[in-house]
Protein backbone atom coordinates (compact mmCIF):
# COMPACT_ATOMS: atom_id res chain seq x y z
CA MET A 1 -4.38 43.69 147.57
CA ARG A 2 -1.28 44.25 149.65
CA LYS A 3 -0.40 41.48 152.10
CA PRO A 4 0.27 42.52 155.71
CA LEU A 5 3.95 43.00 156.59
CA THR A 6 3.77 40.11 159.04
CA HIS A 7 2.91 37.77 156.16
CA LEU A 8 5.96 38.97 154.25
CA VAL A 9 8.21 38.42 157.27
CA LEU A 10 6.81 34.92 157.74
CA LEU A 11 7.41 34.17 154.05
CA ILE A 12 11.06 35.27 154.30
CA VAL A 13 11.55 33.20 157.46
CA ALA A 14 10.03 30.18 155.72
CA LEU A 15 12.31 30.61 152.71
CA LEU A 16 15.35 30.94 154.94
CA ALA A 17 14.28 27.91 156.93
CA GLY A 18 13.83 25.94 153.71
CA ASP A 19 17.33 26.91 152.56
CA SER A 20 18.72 26.02 155.96
CA VAL A 21 17.16 22.58 155.82
CA ALA A 22 18.56 22.05 152.32
CA GLN A 23 22.06 22.82 153.61
CA SER A 24 21.80 20.05 156.21
CA GLY A 25 21.88 16.33 155.60
CA GLY A 26 23.22 14.54 152.56
CA GLU A 27 26.29 12.36 152.11
CA LEU A 28 29.80 13.77 151.77
CA ARG A 29 32.09 11.76 149.52
CA PHE A 30 35.86 11.72 149.16
CA CYS A 31 38.65 9.19 148.63
CA LEU A 32 41.21 7.53 150.84
CA ARG A 33 44.42 6.60 149.04
CA SER A 34 44.77 3.31 150.90
CA GLU A 35 42.75 1.08 153.18
CA PRO A 36 43.00 2.07 156.87
CA LYS A 37 45.33 -0.35 158.65
CA THR A 38 43.36 -0.09 161.89
CA LEU A 39 40.27 1.54 163.37
CA ASN A 40 41.73 1.63 166.87
CA PRO A 41 42.54 5.33 167.43
CA LEU A 42 45.46 4.50 169.72
CA LEU A 43 47.20 2.39 167.07
CA MET A 44 46.81 4.64 164.04
CA SER A 45 49.91 5.75 162.15
CA ASP A 46 48.99 5.67 158.43
CA ASP A 47 47.24 8.58 156.71
CA SER A 48 43.97 6.76 156.08
CA SER A 49 43.63 5.58 159.66
CA GLU A 50 44.39 9.07 160.91
CA THR A 51 41.60 10.40 158.68
CA ILE A 52 39.17 8.06 160.47
CA ARG A 53 40.49 9.20 163.84
CA TYR A 54 40.00 12.86 162.96
CA LEU A 55 36.43 12.32 161.77
CA THR A 56 35.34 10.08 164.65
CA GLY A 57 37.59 10.71 167.62
CA GLY A 58 36.72 13.12 170.41
CA VAL A 59 39.80 14.82 171.85
CA LEU A 60 40.35 16.85 175.01
CA LEU A 61 41.99 19.72 173.15
CA ARG A 62 42.18 20.57 169.45
CA VAL A 63 44.69 22.64 167.49
CA ASN A 64 42.60 24.91 165.29
CA ARG A 65 43.99 24.25 161.80
CA LEU A 66 43.18 27.79 160.67
CA THR A 67 44.51 29.88 163.57
CA GLN A 68 47.01 27.25 164.82
CA ASP A 69 45.79 28.00 168.37
CA LEU A 70 44.89 25.36 170.94
CA GLU A 71 41.18 25.23 171.76
CA PRO A 72 39.03 23.35 174.31
CA GLU A 73 37.03 20.33 173.16
CA LEU A 74 36.01 17.61 175.62
CA ALA A 75 37.95 19.55 178.22
CA THR A 76 36.75 23.06 179.05
CA ALA A 77 39.92 24.05 180.93
CA TRP A 78 43.39 22.68 181.64
CA LYS A 79 46.37 23.58 183.83
CA LEU A 80 50.02 22.53 183.97
CA THR A 81 51.62 22.13 187.41
CA ASN A 82 54.37 20.17 189.16
CA ALA A 83 57.12 21.74 187.02
CA GLY A 84 55.26 20.72 183.88
CA LYS A 85 54.90 17.04 184.77
CA THR A 86 51.19 17.20 185.68
CA ILE A 87 48.29 18.37 183.56
CA THR A 88 44.80 18.68 185.07
CA PHE A 89 41.68 18.78 182.90
CA LYS A 90 38.18 19.97 183.67
CA LEU A 91 35.80 17.96 181.49
CA ARG A 92 32.45 18.72 179.92
CA GLU A 93 29.57 17.10 181.75
CA ASN A 94 26.57 15.09 180.58
CA LEU A 95 28.26 13.84 177.41
CA ARG A 96 27.75 10.40 175.89
CA PHE A 97 29.62 8.22 173.45
CA SER A 98 27.99 7.34 170.13
CA ASP A 99 26.48 4.17 171.65
CA GLY A 100 24.97 6.07 174.59
CA THR A 101 27.64 5.17 177.17
CA THR A 102 28.32 8.06 179.56
CA PHE A 103 31.60 9.96 179.43
CA SER A 104 33.64 10.74 182.55
CA ALA A 105 37.15 11.13 183.91
CA ASP A 106 37.39 7.33 184.12
CA ASP A 107 37.38 7.18 180.30
CA VAL A 108 40.25 9.66 180.08
CA ALA A 109 42.21 7.66 182.67
CA TYR A 110 41.57 4.42 180.78
CA THR A 111 42.63 6.02 177.47
CA ILE A 112 45.90 7.32 178.92
CA GLN A 113 46.68 3.99 180.56
CA GLN A 114 46.15 2.20 177.24
CA LEU A 115 48.08 4.89 175.35
CA MET A 116 51.14 4.53 177.59
CA ASP A 117 51.05 0.74 178.01
CA PRO A 118 54.27 -0.58 176.38
CA ALA A 119 52.41 -3.73 175.36
CA VAL A 120 49.96 -1.69 173.26
CA HIS A 121 52.72 -0.04 171.17
CA SER A 122 50.73 3.12 170.49
CA PRO A 123 52.47 5.43 167.98
CA SER A 124 50.65 8.39 169.55
CA GLY A 125 51.99 7.41 172.96
CA ASP A 126 55.62 7.78 171.89
CA ALA A 127 55.39 11.57 172.04
CA PHE A 128 54.50 11.37 175.74
CA ARG A 129 57.44 9.16 176.77
CA SER A 130 59.55 11.83 178.43
CA GLY A 131 61.44 9.57 180.81
CA GLU A 132 61.48 6.30 182.72
CA GLY A 133 58.59 5.51 185.01
CA LYS A 134 54.85 5.03 184.69
CA VAL A 135 52.27 7.69 183.98
CA GLN A 136 49.90 8.30 186.89
CA THR A 137 46.21 9.16 186.40
CA GLN A 138 43.94 10.40 189.16
CA ALA A 139 40.22 10.99 188.68
CA LEU A 140 39.58 13.89 191.05
CA ALA A 141 35.86 13.89 190.23
CA ASN A 142 33.62 12.72 187.39
CA ASN A 143 34.62 15.86 185.48
CA ARG A 144 38.22 16.36 186.66
CA ILE A 145 41.35 14.35 186.09
CA ALA A 146 45.07 14.83 186.77
CA ILE A 147 47.69 13.11 184.61
CA THR A 148 51.29 13.03 185.87
CA PHE A 149 54.26 12.08 183.70
CA SER A 150 57.67 11.03 184.95
CA ALA A 151 59.37 14.09 183.45
CA PRO A 152 58.30 17.46 181.99
CA ILE A 153 57.13 17.44 178.37
CA ALA A 154 57.40 20.68 176.40
CA GLY A 155 54.21 21.44 174.50
CA LEU A 156 52.39 18.75 176.47
CA ASP A 157 48.90 20.21 176.09
CA LYS A 158 49.10 20.31 172.27
CA LEU A 159 49.93 16.59 172.12
CA PHE A 160 46.39 15.78 173.23
CA ASP A 161 45.17 16.89 169.79
CA GLN A 162 46.24 13.41 168.63
CA VAL A 163 44.60 11.40 171.45
CA ALA A 164 41.02 10.23 170.80
CA ILE A 165 39.29 9.30 174.05
CA ILE A 166 37.96 5.74 174.17
CA SER A 167 35.36 4.30 176.52
CA ALA A 168 36.37 2.33 179.60
CA LYS A 169 33.06 0.48 179.77
CA SER A 170 31.34 0.39 176.37
CA PRO A 171 30.82 -3.10 174.90
CA GLN A 172 31.75 -1.53 171.54
CA LYS A 173 35.19 -0.65 172.96
CA GLU A 174 37.10 1.73 170.65
CA MET A 175 34.24 1.80 168.14
CA ALA A 176 32.23 3.92 170.61
CA VAL A 177 33.31 7.48 169.84
CA LEU A 178 32.88 11.08 170.96
CA GLY A 179 33.58 12.77 167.63
CA PRO A 180 31.09 13.99 164.99
CA TYR A 181 30.85 10.64 163.15
CA TYR A 182 31.09 6.91 163.87
CA VAL A 183 32.04 4.03 161.56
CA ALA A 184 28.78 2.42 160.44
CA GLU A 185 30.12 0.17 157.67
CA ASN A 186 33.57 -1.01 156.59
CA LYS A 187 33.81 -2.86 153.28
CA ALA A 188 37.41 -4.07 153.20
CA GLY A 189 39.36 -2.66 150.25
CA ALA A 190 36.34 -0.79 148.88
CA TYR A 191 34.79 1.85 151.13
CA LEU A 192 33.78 2.97 154.62
CA ILE A 193 30.53 4.64 155.62
CA LEU A 194 30.54 7.04 158.55
CA LYS A 195 27.29 8.23 160.05
CA ARG A 196 26.44 11.21 162.16
CA ASN A 197 27.00 10.65 165.88
CA PRO A 198 23.56 11.17 167.45
CA ASN A 199 25.20 12.07 170.77
CA TYR A 200 27.72 14.61 169.45
CA TRP A 201 27.82 17.50 171.89
CA LYS A 202 28.41 20.54 169.67
CA ARG A 203 25.78 22.97 168.41
CA ASP A 204 26.06 25.99 166.13
CA SER A 205 25.37 29.59 167.15
CA THR A 206 21.64 29.14 166.54
CA GLY A 207 21.42 26.02 168.68
CA ARG A 208 21.26 23.53 165.80
CA PRO A 209 23.03 20.22 166.48
CA LEU A 210 26.26 19.54 164.59
CA PRO A 211 27.48 18.12 162.28
CA TYR A 212 25.27 19.31 159.42
CA ILE A 213 26.10 16.44 157.06
CA ASP A 214 24.41 13.10 157.81
CA ALA A 215 26.97 10.67 156.43
CA ILE A 216 30.42 10.38 154.85
CA ARG A 217 31.40 7.82 152.23
CA LEU A 218 35.14 7.15 151.99
CA ASP A 219 36.06 5.23 148.84
CA ILE A 220 39.44 3.47 148.70
CA GLN A 221 41.05 4.81 145.52
CA GLN A 222 44.78 4.72 144.81
CA ASN A 223 44.61 5.94 141.22
CA ARG A 224 44.95 9.73 141.16
CA ASP A 225 43.60 10.01 137.60
CA ILE A 226 40.40 8.21 138.55
CA GLU A 227 40.04 10.37 141.65
CA MET A 228 40.34 13.50 139.49
CA LEU A 229 37.79 12.18 137.01
CA ARG A 230 35.33 11.47 139.81
CA LEU A 231 35.77 15.02 141.14
CA VAL A 232 35.08 16.55 137.74
CA ARG A 233 31.99 14.35 137.34
CA GLY A 234 30.68 15.43 140.74
CA GLU A 235 30.96 11.94 142.21
CA ILE A 236 33.17 13.14 145.07
CA ASP A 237 33.15 16.49 146.86
CA PHE A 238 36.84 17.29 147.32
CA ILE A 239 40.43 16.14 147.05
CA ASN A 240 42.30 17.00 150.22
CA SER A 241 45.80 17.19 148.76
CA LEU A 242 46.91 17.67 145.14
CA ASP A 243 50.23 17.95 143.39
CA ALA A 244 50.88 20.89 141.07
CA GLU A 245 49.96 19.19 137.78
CA TYR A 246 46.60 17.93 139.02
CA PHE A 247 45.97 21.35 140.52
CA ASP A 248 46.53 22.97 137.11
CA SER A 249 44.05 20.48 135.62
CA VAL A 250 41.45 21.58 138.17
CA MET A 251 42.22 25.21 137.39
CA SER A 252 41.61 24.63 133.68
CA GLU A 253 38.43 22.63 134.33
CA ASN A 254 36.83 24.84 137.00
CA PRO A 255 38.96 27.54 138.70
CA THR A 256 36.43 27.95 141.52
CA MET A 257 37.28 24.44 142.71
CA ALA A 258 41.04 25.07 143.04
CA HIS A 259 42.41 26.20 146.40
CA ASP A 260 46.02 27.18 147.06
CA ALA A 261 46.52 27.82 150.79
CA GLY A 262 50.17 28.86 150.33
CA ALA A 263 53.39 27.29 151.58
CA SER A 264 52.84 24.06 153.49
CA LEU A 265 54.90 22.63 156.35
CA ASP A 266 56.55 20.18 153.93
CA ALA A 267 60.05 20.80 152.61
CA GLU A 268 62.17 19.51 149.73
CA PHE A 269 65.93 19.53 150.34
CA MET A 270 69.26 17.93 149.50
CA TRP A 271 72.24 16.98 151.62
CA PHE A 272 75.77 15.61 151.35
CA ASN A 273 76.94 12.36 152.91
CA GLN A 274 79.22 13.25 155.84
CA VAL A 275 79.42 9.78 157.42
CA PRO A 276 83.11 9.16 158.31
CA SER A 277 82.86 5.41 157.60
CA SER A 278 81.23 5.85 154.17
CA PRO A 279 83.07 4.31 151.18
CA LEU A 280 83.79 7.72 149.63
CA PRO A 281 87.25 9.00 148.70
CA SER A 282 88.75 11.15 151.43
CA TYR A 283 88.93 14.24 149.22
CA LYS A 284 85.17 14.12 148.66
CA LYS A 285 84.59 13.77 152.38
CA THR A 286 86.66 16.94 152.76
CA TRP A 287 84.39 18.74 150.29
CA PHE A 288 81.15 17.61 151.90
CA THR A 289 82.20 18.49 155.46
CA SER A 290 83.17 22.03 154.42
CA THR A 291 80.66 24.74 155.29
CA ASN A 292 81.99 26.87 152.43
CA PHE A 293 81.37 24.05 149.95
CA ARG A 294 77.80 23.45 151.12
CA ARG A 295 77.02 27.18 151.18
CA ALA A 296 78.45 27.57 147.68
CA ILE A 297 76.30 24.76 146.31
CA SER A 298 73.30 26.38 147.95
CA GLU A 299 74.01 29.78 146.40
CA ALA A 300 74.48 28.20 142.97
CA ILE A 301 70.92 26.83 142.96
CA ASN A 302 68.09 28.98 141.64
CA ARG A 303 65.25 28.23 144.07
CA ASP A 304 62.87 30.60 142.31
CA ASP A 305 63.27 28.57 139.13
CA LEU A 306 62.68 25.32 141.03
CA ALA A 307 59.42 26.69 142.40
CA ARG A 308 58.35 28.25 139.10
CA ILE A 309 59.25 25.41 136.73
CA ALA A 310 59.38 22.13 138.68
CA PHE A 311 56.28 22.98 140.72
CA ARG A 312 54.53 25.25 138.21
CA GLY A 313 54.70 28.17 140.62
CA ARG A 314 52.99 26.16 143.38
CA ALA A 315 55.94 26.24 145.79
CA ARG A 316 58.06 28.82 147.61
CA PRO A 317 61.84 29.05 148.12
CA ALA A 318 62.57 27.38 151.45
CA VAL A 319 64.44 28.94 154.35
CA GLY A 320 65.17 26.13 156.77
CA PRO A 321 63.81 23.35 158.97
CA ILE A 322 60.64 25.26 159.87
CA SER A 323 58.32 26.57 157.17
CA PRO A 324 56.93 30.13 157.22
CA ALA A 325 53.54 28.39 157.38
CA ASN A 326 54.34 27.53 161.00
CA LYS A 327 53.20 30.87 162.38
CA PHE A 328 54.67 30.74 165.88
CA TRP A 329 57.89 28.73 165.46
CA PHE A 330 59.27 30.14 162.19
CA ASN A 331 62.29 32.45 162.59
CA SER A 332 61.06 35.43 160.58
CA LYS A 333 64.52 37.06 160.60
CA LEU A 334 65.77 34.49 158.10
CA GLN A 335 65.37 34.65 154.33
CA PRO A 336 65.97 32.03 151.61
CA HIS A 337 69.58 31.89 150.45
CA PRO A 338 69.96 34.09 147.36
CA PHE A 339 70.85 32.76 143.92
CA ASP A 340 74.36 34.16 143.40
CA GLN A 341 76.80 32.04 141.40
CA LYS A 342 79.54 34.67 141.60
CA SER A 343 79.37 34.53 145.41
CA ALA A 344 79.38 30.74 145.20
CA LEU A 345 82.70 30.75 143.31
CA GLN A 346 84.15 33.21 145.82
CA ARG A 347 83.22 30.90 148.68
CA LEU A 348 84.76 27.93 146.90
CA SER A 349 87.98 29.86 146.35
CA LEU A 350 88.33 30.19 150.14
CA ASP A 351 88.83 26.41 150.25
CA GLY A 352 91.23 26.35 147.31
CA PHE A 353 88.75 25.47 144.57
CA HIS A 354 89.45 27.06 141.19
CA LEU A 355 88.17 26.97 137.61
CA GLN A 356 90.42 25.37 135.01
CA ASN A 357 89.23 25.15 131.41
CA GLY A 358 85.65 25.55 132.57
CA ALA A 359 85.86 22.75 135.17
CA LEU A 360 86.02 23.32 138.92
CA ARG A 361 88.95 21.63 140.66
CA ASP A 362 89.93 21.39 144.31
CA ARG A 363 93.34 22.48 145.62
CA GLU A 364 94.76 19.01 144.88
CA GLY A 365 93.55 19.10 141.29
CA HIS A 366 90.56 16.75 141.59
CA VAL A 367 87.72 17.63 139.25
CA VAL A 368 84.57 18.43 141.27
CA GLU A 369 82.07 15.80 140.24
CA PHE A 370 79.51 13.99 142.37
CA SER A 371 76.21 12.09 142.08
CA ILE A 372 72.87 12.86 143.67
CA ILE A 373 70.35 10.10 144.36
CA THR A 374 66.60 10.51 144.54
CA ASN A 375 63.54 8.24 144.37
CA SER A 376 62.52 7.13 140.89
CA GLY A 377 59.01 7.98 139.76
CA ASN A 378 58.88 11.26 141.66
CA LYS A 379 58.70 13.60 138.69
CA TYR A 380 59.12 16.74 140.79
CA ARG A 381 62.37 15.58 142.35
CA GLU A 382 63.62 14.29 139.03
CA ARG A 383 62.94 17.74 137.52
CA MET A 384 64.61 19.50 140.42
CA ALA A 385 67.66 17.26 140.15
CA THR A 386 67.96 18.05 136.43
CA MET A 387 67.65 21.79 137.07
CA ILE A 388 70.23 21.66 139.88
CA GLN A 389 72.48 19.77 137.48
CA GLN A 390 72.22 22.67 135.03
CA ASP A 391 72.81 25.30 137.73
CA LEU A 392 75.97 23.59 138.97
CA THR A 393 77.32 23.24 135.45
CA ALA A 394 77.48 27.06 135.39
CA ILE A 395 80.12 27.00 138.16
CA GLY A 396 82.08 24.12 136.64
CA ILE A 397 80.64 21.22 138.65
CA LYS A 398 79.51 17.99 137.02
CA LEU A 399 76.46 16.52 138.75
CA ASN A 400 75.22 13.03 137.91
CA VAL A 401 71.57 12.26 138.68
CA VAL A 402 70.78 8.73 139.85
CA THR A 403 67.19 7.60 140.45
CA LEU A 404 66.56 4.57 142.65
CA ASP A 405 63.55 2.62 143.82
CA PHE A 406 62.70 3.60 147.38
CA PRO A 407 63.98 0.44 149.13
CA SER A 408 67.35 0.80 147.38
CA LEU A 409 67.46 4.48 148.30
CA ILE A 410 66.81 3.72 151.97
CA GLU A 411 69.43 0.96 151.90
CA ARG A 412 72.11 3.42 150.77
CA MET A 413 70.98 6.16 153.15
CA THR A 414 70.78 4.05 156.29
CA ARG A 415 72.94 0.93 155.88
CA THR A 416 75.74 1.08 153.31
CA PHE A 417 76.09 4.90 153.17
CA ASP A 418 77.22 4.35 149.59
CA TYR A 419 76.07 7.67 148.13
CA GLU A 420 77.40 11.21 147.75
CA ALA A 421 74.35 13.46 147.87
CA CYS A 422 70.63 12.86 148.22
CA LEU A 423 67.50 14.79 147.24
CA LEU A 424 64.37 14.02 149.26
CA GLY A 425 61.62 15.71 151.23
CA LEU A 426 60.17 15.76 154.72
CA VAL A 427 56.48 15.63 155.49
CA ASN A 428 55.66 17.65 158.59
CA ASN A 429 52.37 16.98 160.36
CA GLU A 430 53.24 18.72 163.62
CA LEU A 431 53.77 22.38 164.45
CA ASP A 432 55.87 21.74 167.55
CA PRO A 433 59.64 21.47 166.91
CA ASN A 434 59.79 18.45 169.22
CA SER A 435 58.53 16.47 166.23
CA GLN A 436 61.95 17.06 164.62
CA MET A 437 64.03 15.85 167.57
CA ASN A 438 64.69 12.60 165.67
CA VAL A 439 66.29 14.64 162.88
CA TRP A 440 68.32 17.30 164.67
CA LEU A 441 69.90 15.42 167.58
CA SER A 442 73.31 14.19 166.43
CA SER A 443 72.62 10.80 168.05
CA ALA A 444 69.39 10.32 166.06
CA GLU A 445 69.03 7.75 163.30
CA ASN A 446 67.33 10.35 161.06
CA HIS A 447 70.20 12.86 161.40
CA GLN A 448 70.64 12.02 157.75
CA TRP A 449 73.92 13.63 156.77
CA ASN A 450 75.74 11.78 159.60
CA PRO A 451 73.35 9.66 161.69
CA SER A 452 73.71 7.97 165.08
CA GLN A 453 76.80 9.86 166.24
CA LYS A 454 78.21 8.76 169.61
CA THR A 455 79.39 12.30 170.21
CA PRO A 456 78.69 15.37 168.04
CA ALA A 457 81.05 15.50 165.07
CA THR A 458 81.16 19.30 164.97
CA PRO A 459 80.82 22.17 167.47
CA TRP A 460 77.70 23.44 165.70
CA GLU A 461 76.02 20.03 165.95
CA ALA A 462 76.86 19.99 169.67
CA GLU A 463 75.24 23.42 169.96
CA ILE A 464 72.10 22.22 168.17
CA ASP A 465 71.95 19.21 170.52
CA LYS A 466 72.15 21.57 173.49
CA LEU A 467 69.47 23.90 172.11
CA MET A 468 67.06 21.12 171.10
CA ARG A 469 67.30 19.50 174.52
CA ALA A 470 66.89 22.88 176.20
CA GLN A 471 63.72 23.71 174.28
CA ALA A 472 62.34 20.23 174.99
CA SER A 473 62.74 20.69 178.75
CA THR A 474 61.55 24.32 178.92
CA LEU A 475 57.89 25.06 179.57
CA ASN A 476 58.02 28.79 178.80
CA ALA A 477 56.92 29.14 175.15
CA ALA A 478 58.86 32.39 174.56
CA LYS A 479 62.06 30.85 175.90
CA ARG A 480 61.52 27.73 173.80
CA LYS A 481 61.16 29.91 170.73
CA GLU A 482 64.49 31.62 171.49
CA PHE A 483 66.19 28.22 171.49
CA VAL A 484 64.41 27.05 168.33
CA ASP A 485 65.19 30.34 166.54
CA LYS A 486 68.90 29.72 167.26
CA VAL A 487 68.64 26.19 165.86
CA GLN A 488 67.14 27.61 162.67
CA GLN A 489 69.92 30.22 162.49
CA ILE A 490 72.64 27.56 162.81
CA ALA A 491 70.94 25.36 160.22
CA TRP A 492 70.74 28.38 157.89
CA GLU A 493 74.46 29.12 158.35
CA GLN A 494 75.80 25.56 158.18
CA GLU A 495 73.35 24.05 155.69
CA PRO A 496 73.69 20.36 156.53
CA PHE A 497 70.36 20.22 154.71
CA ILE A 498 70.19 22.56 151.72
CA TYR A 499 66.54 23.53 151.86
CA LEU A 500 65.12 24.13 148.39
CA VAL A 501 61.35 24.71 148.39
CA ASN A 502 58.24 24.43 150.52
CA LYS A 503 55.47 22.97 148.40
CA ASN A 504 52.13 24.76 148.54
CA ALA A 505 49.12 23.15 150.20
CA LEU A 506 46.84 22.49 147.22
CA SER A 507 43.33 21.09 147.24
CA ALA A 508 40.18 20.93 145.13
CA VAL A 509 36.69 21.51 146.53
CA SER A 510 33.33 21.19 144.78
CA PRO A 511 31.18 24.35 144.85
CA SER A 512 28.45 22.21 146.42
CA LEU A 513 30.48 21.89 149.63
CA HIS A 514 29.88 24.94 151.81
CA ASN A 515 31.99 26.55 154.55
CA ALA A 516 35.17 24.83 153.34
CA HIS A 517 38.25 26.94 154.07
CA PRO A 518 41.30 24.89 153.04
CA VAL A 519 44.40 25.48 155.19
CA VAL A 520 48.05 24.40 155.22
CA LEU A 521 47.74 21.99 158.14
CA ARG A 522 46.39 18.48 157.71
CA PRO A 523 43.58 17.79 157.17
CA GLN A 524 43.48 20.74 154.79
CA VAL A 525 39.84 20.61 153.65
CA TYR A 526 37.86 18.82 156.33
CA TRP A 527 39.54 20.25 159.45
CA ASN A 528 36.17 21.84 160.35
CA ILE A 529 34.15 18.77 159.36
CA ASP A 530 31.26 19.46 161.73
CA GLN A 531 30.75 22.89 160.12
CA LEU A 532 30.65 21.70 156.51
CA SER A 533 27.38 21.41 154.63
CA LEU A 534 26.20 20.34 151.19
CA GLY A 535 24.26 22.37 148.63
CA ALA A 536 20.56 21.75 148.09
CA GLU A 537 20.95 20.08 144.72
CA VAL A 538 23.64 17.71 145.98
CA ALA A 539 21.72 16.78 149.12
CA ARG A 540 18.62 16.13 146.98
CA ASN A 541 20.37 13.95 144.39
CA ARG A 542 22.09 11.60 146.84
């Protein structure tokens, strides 16, 4: 006997509903590589603490890690006025913190006052310190607030992605949160348990409350081998960031778990010591301050080989200070410097360098030999240094590779300046070029090739200073990009940093974790945490 069509429809709906229920709930598990130093969202600076902030903190605005666009969160609208010194937010209404305390403009005002209080020493607050004078907050209504800074801040709205709003009146203080999860248990040195915020305001397109997953267990695990083993055994659901060798292990174990999002924001590069007071012989200082010399070294290095061999193909030849992964700010007119050892020798000849019995000598007859320092234990940099050593041998240069423990490396880089060249990397967490002000201003301590200059040592450094300050004080995004594009062009021409590769953003995700779309921006895997869900079998077994 045939069942009525309505019965069939009801059966399908029931099956879909059953599947939907199975996709909700459960406990997500992954590892932190160190214990969080603090749970106060205004004081967080280490990676583990920032993970907690991302999972628990409610922010006014959020940079979408996939599109890299700024999107409304606790604020539904915002406007910059007063020549860029004032930002006004319209807030969502009828929201509550995880403990039930109501949310209003007073909480935003309290958060900003704490953020900018010099006695609090908030790392997140440093980005907002545009000039002398206090920050003014004015609650215009329960759902409207104006924040006025003492000077304009370029990219001001995007900085609020890093500011988790705390309650002005909750007895739980900063532990009362507006994000998808709250910290329910913290076992020092072992694990943290986060539970679903019952008052989280977001819902999906069908009206279901978010997040889908009930709880998150964060195990403190420093050993990468153990973390990998736990992933393979199904004891954790993902690894947010992998190096190339671990990624290859995942590929061999289960290719569906391996995710390569392409070039990351991070760069590996080398530079020459150009500090005038360094204890180097004057003739070497002459080499290192020569644009022709630096450009020649750059052309003599095979970046494709570095990416292919040192990083097992999980890296891309780098162009300059901004990665192609940074969609808006990257200067797309630039290309990586080509591998051309003949051109390198021609450039060197312009400065009087010449080959003699297979060895390169300068115009005074000194054999071209120098050492490059890097941190011991970093196998990728050690491999790159060895490969660069081989490349430079082909143009008659003897390169000595010296590996140092990190404290000794920092001592030479920042205090004694007793080194000739250095190979290191830069981790970029921010899209906005203002995050690199402490590198590119000639007066900055992190202007590594010649830090803390009283006045710019070269005309091109003076030009970069001018451009970086101009972009930092300009509110028009298109105009800022013009300035930043010129900085990238100068860096490409002068090569104070010889950019080598951008490592790929690699991660591993269990097939049981649904709606994961790993990206290049941190946090790569769980950037859409409230949209993630677990498979039926995983939710049932935990």
